[in-house]
N, C-alpha and C. Protein backbone atom coordinates (compact mmCIF):
# COMPACT_ATOMS: atom_id res chain seq x y z
N MET A 1 15.26 5.75 12.32
CA MET A 1 14.11 4.87 12.13
C MET A 1 14.61 3.52 11.61
N ALA A 2 14.11 2.46 12.19
CA ALA A 2 14.50 1.12 11.75
C ALA A 2 13.62 0.69 10.59
N SER A 3 14.27 0.29 9.50
CA SER A 3 13.51 -0.29 8.39
C SER A 3 13.57 -1.79 8.56
N ASN A 4 12.68 -2.33 9.36
CA ASN A 4 12.70 -3.75 9.70
C ASN A 4 12.09 -4.62 8.62
N ILE A 5 11.29 -4.01 7.75
CA ILE A 5 10.64 -4.78 6.71
C ILE A 5 11.42 -4.62 5.42
N SER A 6 11.66 -5.71 4.75
CA SER A 6 12.37 -5.67 3.48
C SER A 6 11.53 -4.92 2.45
N THR A 7 12.19 -4.04 1.71
CA THR A 7 11.51 -3.29 0.65
C THR A 7 10.93 -4.25 -0.37
N ASP A 8 11.59 -5.38 -0.57
CA ASP A 8 11.10 -6.38 -1.53
C ASP A 8 9.73 -6.92 -1.13
N LEU A 9 9.48 -7.04 0.17
CA LEU A 9 8.19 -7.54 0.64
C LEU A 9 7.08 -6.52 0.41
N ILE A 10 7.43 -5.24 0.45
CA ILE A 10 6.44 -4.18 0.30
C ILE A 10 6.18 -3.86 -1.17
N ARG A 11 7.22 -3.98 -1.98
CA ARG A 11 7.09 -3.64 -3.40
C ARG A 11 5.92 -4.41 -4.00
N GLY A 12 5.14 -3.74 -4.79
CA GLY A 12 3.96 -4.39 -5.35
C GLY A 12 2.71 -4.09 -4.53
N HIS A 13 2.91 -3.57 -3.31
CA HIS A 13 1.77 -3.22 -2.46
C HIS A 13 1.67 -1.72 -2.23
N THR A 14 2.61 -0.97 -2.81
CA THR A 14 2.66 0.48 -2.63
C THR A 14 1.32 1.13 -2.99
N ASP A 15 0.78 0.78 -4.15
CA ASP A 15 -0.49 1.38 -4.60
C ASP A 15 -1.61 1.11 -3.59
N THR A 16 -1.68 -0.12 -3.12
CA THR A 16 -2.74 -0.50 -2.17
C THR A 16 -2.57 0.26 -0.86
N ILE A 17 -1.34 0.46 -0.42
CA ILE A 17 -1.07 1.20 0.81
C ILE A 17 -1.55 2.65 0.66
N ILE A 18 -1.22 3.26 -0.47
CA ILE A 18 -1.64 4.65 -0.72
C ILE A 18 -3.15 4.73 -0.81
N LEU A 19 -3.78 3.80 -1.52
CA LEU A 19 -5.24 3.80 -1.63
C LEU A 19 -5.89 3.64 -0.26
N ASN A 20 -5.29 2.82 0.60
CA ASN A 20 -5.81 2.64 1.96
C ASN A 20 -5.79 3.97 2.72
N VAL A 21 -4.68 4.69 2.62
CA VAL A 21 -4.57 5.98 3.31
C VAL A 21 -5.62 6.95 2.76
N LEU A 22 -5.76 7.00 1.43
CA LEU A 22 -6.68 7.97 0.82
C LEU A 22 -8.15 7.62 1.02
N GLN A 23 -8.46 6.36 1.23
CA GLN A 23 -9.87 6.04 1.47
C GLN A 23 -10.31 6.54 2.84
N GLN A 24 -9.36 6.89 3.68
CA GLN A 24 -9.67 7.46 4.99
C GLN A 24 -9.82 8.97 4.94
N GLY A 25 -9.53 9.57 3.77
CA GLY A 25 -9.69 11.01 3.60
C GLY A 25 -8.65 11.58 2.67
N ASP A 26 -9.00 12.70 2.04
CA ASP A 26 -8.06 13.37 1.13
C ASP A 26 -6.82 13.78 1.91
N SER A 27 -5.68 13.80 1.22
CA SER A 27 -4.44 14.16 1.88
C SER A 27 -3.43 14.63 0.85
N TYR A 28 -2.35 15.22 1.33
CA TYR A 28 -1.27 15.69 0.45
C TYR A 28 -0.03 14.82 0.67
N GLY A 29 0.90 14.92 -0.24
CA GLY A 29 2.05 14.02 -0.28
C GLY A 29 2.78 13.79 1.02
N TYR A 30 3.23 14.87 1.66
CA TYR A 30 4.02 14.71 2.88
C TYR A 30 3.20 14.09 4.01
N GLN A 31 1.92 14.46 4.08
CA GLN A 31 1.05 13.88 5.11
C GLN A 31 0.85 12.38 4.87
N ILE A 32 0.70 11.98 3.62
CA ILE A 32 0.56 10.56 3.27
C ILE A 32 1.84 9.81 3.67
N TYR A 33 2.98 10.42 3.35
CA TYR A 33 4.28 9.86 3.72
C TYR A 33 4.35 9.62 5.23
N LYS A 34 3.97 10.63 6.04
CA LYS A 34 4.00 10.49 7.50
C LYS A 34 2.98 9.47 7.99
N THR A 35 1.82 9.42 7.36
CA THR A 35 0.78 8.46 7.76
C THR A 35 1.26 7.02 7.55
N ILE A 36 1.95 6.77 6.44
CA ILE A 36 2.47 5.42 6.16
C ILE A 36 3.49 5.01 7.22
N ILE A 37 4.35 5.94 7.62
CA ILE A 37 5.32 5.64 8.68
C ILE A 37 4.57 5.31 9.98
N ALA A 38 3.56 6.12 10.30
CA ALA A 38 2.79 5.90 11.53
C ALA A 38 2.04 4.58 11.49
N LEU A 39 1.40 4.27 10.35
CA LEU A 39 0.65 3.01 10.22
C LEU A 39 1.55 1.80 10.42
N SER A 40 2.81 1.92 10.02
CA SER A 40 3.74 0.79 10.13
C SER A 40 4.36 0.71 11.53
N GLY A 41 3.97 1.60 12.42
CA GLY A 41 4.59 1.62 13.74
C GLY A 41 6.06 1.97 13.67
N ASN A 42 6.40 2.88 12.76
CA ASN A 42 7.78 3.31 12.50
C ASN A 42 8.69 2.17 12.02
N GLN A 43 8.10 1.15 11.43
CA GLN A 43 8.88 0.02 10.94
C GLN A 43 9.20 0.14 9.45
N TYR A 44 8.52 1.06 8.77
CA TYR A 44 8.71 1.16 7.33
C TYR A 44 8.56 2.60 6.87
N GLU A 45 9.47 3.01 6.00
CA GLU A 45 9.42 4.35 5.42
C GLU A 45 9.42 4.20 3.91
N LEU A 46 8.37 4.67 3.27
CA LEU A 46 8.27 4.64 1.82
C LEU A 46 9.01 5.85 1.28
N LYS A 47 10.00 5.61 0.42
CA LYS A 47 10.77 6.72 -0.12
C LYS A 47 9.86 7.69 -0.85
N GLU A 48 10.12 8.99 -0.68
CA GLU A 48 9.27 10.00 -1.30
C GLU A 48 9.24 9.88 -2.82
N ALA A 49 10.36 9.55 -3.43
CA ALA A 49 10.40 9.38 -4.89
C ALA A 49 9.45 8.27 -5.33
N THR A 50 9.43 7.17 -4.58
CA THR A 50 8.54 6.05 -4.86
C THR A 50 7.09 6.49 -4.71
N LEU A 51 6.82 7.27 -3.68
CA LEU A 51 5.48 7.76 -3.40
C LEU A 51 4.96 8.62 -4.55
N TYR A 52 5.77 9.58 -5.00
CA TYR A 52 5.31 10.49 -6.05
C TYR A 52 5.19 9.79 -7.41
N THR A 53 6.04 8.81 -7.65
CA THR A 53 5.90 7.98 -8.86
C THR A 53 4.57 7.23 -8.81
N ALA A 54 4.23 6.70 -7.64
CA ALA A 54 2.96 5.98 -7.46
C ALA A 54 1.77 6.94 -7.64
N PHE A 55 1.88 8.16 -7.11
CA PHE A 55 0.80 9.14 -7.30
C PHE A 55 0.52 9.35 -8.78
N ARG A 56 1.59 9.57 -9.56
CA ARG A 56 1.42 9.80 -11.01
C ARG A 56 0.77 8.60 -11.69
N ARG A 57 1.23 7.41 -11.34
CA ARG A 57 0.69 6.19 -11.94
C ARG A 57 -0.79 6.00 -11.56
N LEU A 58 -1.11 6.17 -10.28
CA LEU A 58 -2.48 5.99 -9.80
C LEU A 58 -3.42 7.01 -10.42
N GLU A 59 -2.93 8.23 -10.62
CA GLU A 59 -3.77 9.26 -11.22
C GLU A 59 -4.00 8.96 -12.70
N LYS A 60 -2.95 8.53 -13.37
CA LYS A 60 -3.06 8.18 -14.80
C LYS A 60 -4.06 7.04 -15.00
N GLU A 61 -4.09 6.09 -14.05
CA GLU A 61 -4.98 4.94 -14.14
C GLU A 61 -6.39 5.25 -13.64
N GLY A 62 -6.60 6.47 -13.12
CA GLY A 62 -7.94 6.88 -12.69
C GLY A 62 -8.32 6.44 -11.28
N TYR A 63 -7.35 5.96 -10.50
CA TYR A 63 -7.64 5.49 -9.14
C TYR A 63 -7.64 6.61 -8.11
N ILE A 64 -6.89 7.67 -8.42
CA ILE A 64 -6.90 8.86 -7.57
C ILE A 64 -7.02 10.09 -8.45
N ALA A 65 -7.40 11.21 -7.84
CA ALA A 65 -7.45 12.49 -8.53
C ALA A 65 -6.75 13.51 -7.65
N SER A 66 -6.16 14.53 -8.27
CA SER A 66 -5.47 15.55 -7.48
C SER A 66 -6.15 16.90 -7.69
N TYR A 67 -5.97 17.76 -6.70
CA TYR A 67 -6.48 19.13 -6.79
C TYR A 67 -5.61 20.00 -5.90
N TRP A 68 -5.63 21.30 -6.16
CA TRP A 68 -4.83 22.23 -5.36
C TRP A 68 -5.64 22.74 -4.19
N GLY A 69 -5.02 22.72 -3.01
CA GLY A 69 -5.66 23.28 -1.83
C GLY A 69 -5.49 24.79 -1.83
N ASP A 70 -6.06 25.45 -0.83
CA ASP A 70 -5.88 26.90 -0.74
C ASP A 70 -4.54 27.22 -0.09
N GLU A 71 -4.23 28.49 -0.02
CA GLU A 71 -2.90 28.91 0.45
C GLU A 71 -2.91 29.29 1.93
N THR A 72 -3.59 28.51 2.75
CA THR A 72 -3.71 28.86 4.17
C THR A 72 -2.39 28.74 4.91
N GLN A 73 -1.50 27.85 4.49
CA GLN A 73 -0.24 27.66 5.22
C GLN A 73 0.96 27.93 4.30
N GLY A 74 0.98 29.11 3.69
CA GLY A 74 2.11 29.46 2.84
C GLY A 74 1.89 29.04 1.41
N GLY A 75 2.47 27.91 0.99
CA GLY A 75 2.34 27.46 -0.39
C GLY A 75 1.09 26.65 -0.62
N ARG A 76 0.72 26.53 -1.86
CA ARG A 76 -0.44 25.70 -2.20
C ARG A 76 -0.01 24.25 -2.21
N ARG A 77 -0.83 23.40 -1.64
CA ARG A 77 -0.53 21.97 -1.59
C ARG A 77 -1.38 21.24 -2.61
N LYS A 78 -0.79 20.22 -3.20
CA LYS A 78 -1.54 19.35 -4.09
C LYS A 78 -2.12 18.22 -3.25
N TYR A 79 -3.43 18.13 -3.25
CA TYR A 79 -4.12 17.10 -2.49
C TYR A 79 -4.52 15.96 -3.41
N TYR A 80 -4.65 14.79 -2.83
CA TYR A 80 -5.07 13.61 -3.58
C TYR A 80 -6.32 13.05 -2.93
N ARG A 81 -7.22 12.56 -3.75
CA ARG A 81 -8.41 11.88 -3.25
C ARG A 81 -8.59 10.59 -4.03
N ILE A 82 -9.19 9.61 -3.39
CA ILE A 82 -9.45 8.33 -4.05
C ILE A 82 -10.74 8.46 -4.87
N THR A 83 -10.77 7.84 -6.03
CA THR A 83 -11.97 7.85 -6.87
C THR A 83 -12.78 6.57 -6.60
N GLU A 84 -13.98 6.49 -7.16
CA GLU A 84 -14.79 5.27 -7.02
C GLU A 84 -14.03 4.07 -7.59
N THR A 85 -13.39 4.27 -8.73
CA THR A 85 -12.58 3.20 -9.34
C THR A 85 -11.44 2.81 -8.41
N GLY A 86 -10.88 3.80 -7.72
CA GLY A 86 -9.81 3.54 -6.76
C GLY A 86 -10.27 2.72 -5.58
N VAL A 87 -11.50 3.00 -5.11
CA VAL A 87 -12.07 2.22 -4.00
C VAL A 87 -12.25 0.77 -4.43
N GLU A 88 -12.74 0.56 -5.65
CA GLU A 88 -12.91 -0.80 -6.17
C GLU A 88 -11.56 -1.50 -6.29
N ARG A 89 -10.55 -0.79 -6.81
CA ARG A 89 -9.20 -1.35 -6.95
C ARG A 89 -8.64 -1.71 -5.58
N TYR A 90 -8.83 -0.84 -4.58
CA TYR A 90 -8.35 -1.11 -3.23
C TYR A 90 -8.98 -2.40 -2.68
N ARG A 91 -10.30 -2.53 -2.84
CA ARG A 91 -11.00 -3.73 -2.33
C ARG A 91 -10.48 -4.99 -3.00
N LYS A 92 -10.26 -4.92 -4.32
CA LYS A 92 -9.75 -6.08 -5.07
C LYS A 92 -8.33 -6.42 -4.62
N ASN A 93 -7.48 -5.41 -4.50
CA ASN A 93 -6.10 -5.64 -4.06
C ASN A 93 -6.05 -6.22 -2.65
N LYS A 94 -6.95 -5.74 -1.79
CA LYS A 94 -7.00 -6.25 -0.42
C LYS A 94 -7.43 -7.72 -0.41
N GLN A 95 -8.39 -8.05 -1.23
CA GLN A 95 -8.86 -9.44 -1.36
C GLN A 95 -7.71 -10.32 -1.88
N ASP A 96 -7.00 -9.86 -2.90
CA ASP A 96 -5.86 -10.59 -3.45
C ASP A 96 -4.77 -10.77 -2.39
N TRP A 97 -4.55 -9.72 -1.58
CA TRP A 97 -3.53 -9.77 -0.53
C TRP A 97 -3.88 -10.84 0.50
N HIS A 98 -5.13 -10.90 0.93
CA HIS A 98 -5.54 -11.92 1.91
C HIS A 98 -5.35 -13.33 1.35
N PHE A 99 -5.70 -13.51 0.09
CA PHE A 99 -5.51 -14.83 -0.55
C PHE A 99 -4.03 -15.19 -0.58
N ALA A 100 -3.19 -14.25 -1.06
CA ALA A 100 -1.74 -14.51 -1.16
C ALA A 100 -1.13 -14.75 0.21
N LYS A 101 -1.57 -13.99 1.21
CA LYS A 101 -1.04 -14.14 2.57
C LYS A 101 -1.32 -15.54 3.10
N ASN A 102 -2.53 -16.05 2.86
CA ASN A 102 -2.88 -17.40 3.32
C ASN A 102 -2.06 -18.47 2.61
N VAL A 103 -1.90 -18.32 1.30
CA VAL A 103 -1.11 -19.29 0.54
C VAL A 103 0.35 -19.25 0.99
N LEU A 104 0.92 -18.05 1.13
CA LEU A 104 2.31 -17.92 1.58
C LEU A 104 2.50 -18.50 2.97
N ASN A 105 1.54 -18.27 3.84
CA ASN A 105 1.62 -18.81 5.18
C ASN A 105 1.71 -20.34 5.14
N GLN A 106 0.91 -20.96 4.29
CA GLN A 106 0.95 -22.42 4.16
C GLN A 106 2.28 -22.87 3.55
N LEU A 107 2.77 -22.13 2.55
CA LEU A 107 4.02 -22.51 1.89
C LEU A 107 5.23 -22.36 2.80
N ILE A 108 5.21 -21.34 3.66
CA ILE A 108 6.37 -21.07 4.51
C ILE A 108 6.31 -21.82 5.83
N GLU A 109 5.11 -21.96 6.40
CA GLU A 109 5.01 -22.58 7.73
C GLU A 109 4.34 -23.94 7.72
N GLY A 110 3.71 -24.30 6.62
CA GLY A 110 2.92 -25.53 6.59
C GLY A 110 3.77 -26.79 6.42
N GLY A 111 3.17 -27.88 6.79
CA GLY A 111 3.78 -29.18 6.59
C GLY A 111 2.75 -30.11 5.96
N ILE A 112 3.24 -31.16 5.31
CA ILE A 112 2.33 -32.11 4.68
C ILE A 112 1.77 -33.02 5.76
N GLN A 113 0.44 -33.08 5.84
CA GLN A 113 -0.22 -33.86 6.88
C GLN A 113 -0.44 -35.30 6.46
N ASN A 114 -0.54 -35.53 5.15
CA ASN A 114 -0.88 -36.85 4.63
C ASN A 114 0.36 -37.76 4.63
N GLU A 115 0.25 -38.89 5.30
CA GLU A 115 1.38 -39.84 5.42
C GLU A 115 1.79 -40.36 4.04
N GLU A 116 0.86 -40.53 3.12
CA GLU A 116 1.19 -41.08 1.80
C GLU A 116 2.11 -40.18 1.00
N ASN A 117 2.12 -38.88 1.31
CA ASN A 117 2.92 -37.94 0.55
C ASN A 117 4.34 -37.78 1.07
N LYS A 118 4.66 -38.44 2.18
CA LYS A 118 6.01 -38.31 2.73
C LYS A 118 6.99 -39.06 1.85
N PRO A 119 8.18 -38.49 1.66
CA PRO A 119 9.22 -39.19 0.88
C PRO A 119 9.59 -40.52 1.54
N GLY A 120 9.78 -41.53 0.75
CA GLY A 120 10.22 -42.82 1.26
C GLY A 120 9.08 -43.72 1.73
N SER A 121 7.84 -43.30 1.56
CA SER A 121 6.75 -44.19 2.00
C SER A 121 6.07 -44.83 0.82
C-alpha cells in the first residue's frame, strides 16, 4: 500500500476521521481501520496503535462510547459508537477544517492581487 499522504498532514485530524466513520454507524477497531484505508482510496493507513490511543482519548472525552458485541464470530468484539457530544465535536472540527483548508489554499497557491503591495512599488 502506498502511503502517499504525509503523516504530518493527517496528524491532528485523527479524531475527526474516526468520528466521521462512527457517525455512519457503530463499528469495531479493525473494521474502522479498514474503513479509513478504503475512504482514503488506499492512500493512507492509520497505524493501529494510533487508532486505539485515539479510541481511549475520545472515550475519555465523552465523544464516543464502547460496548461489547455478542460472540457470533468467535471472540467478543468491542464496538464503538459516537455520542451526541461526539457529533457536535465532529461538526465543529469539520467546520474548522474547511476554514483552515481555505486559508492554507490561499497561503500556498495565492498571490497578491493589489499592485500597491508588490515589493519595489
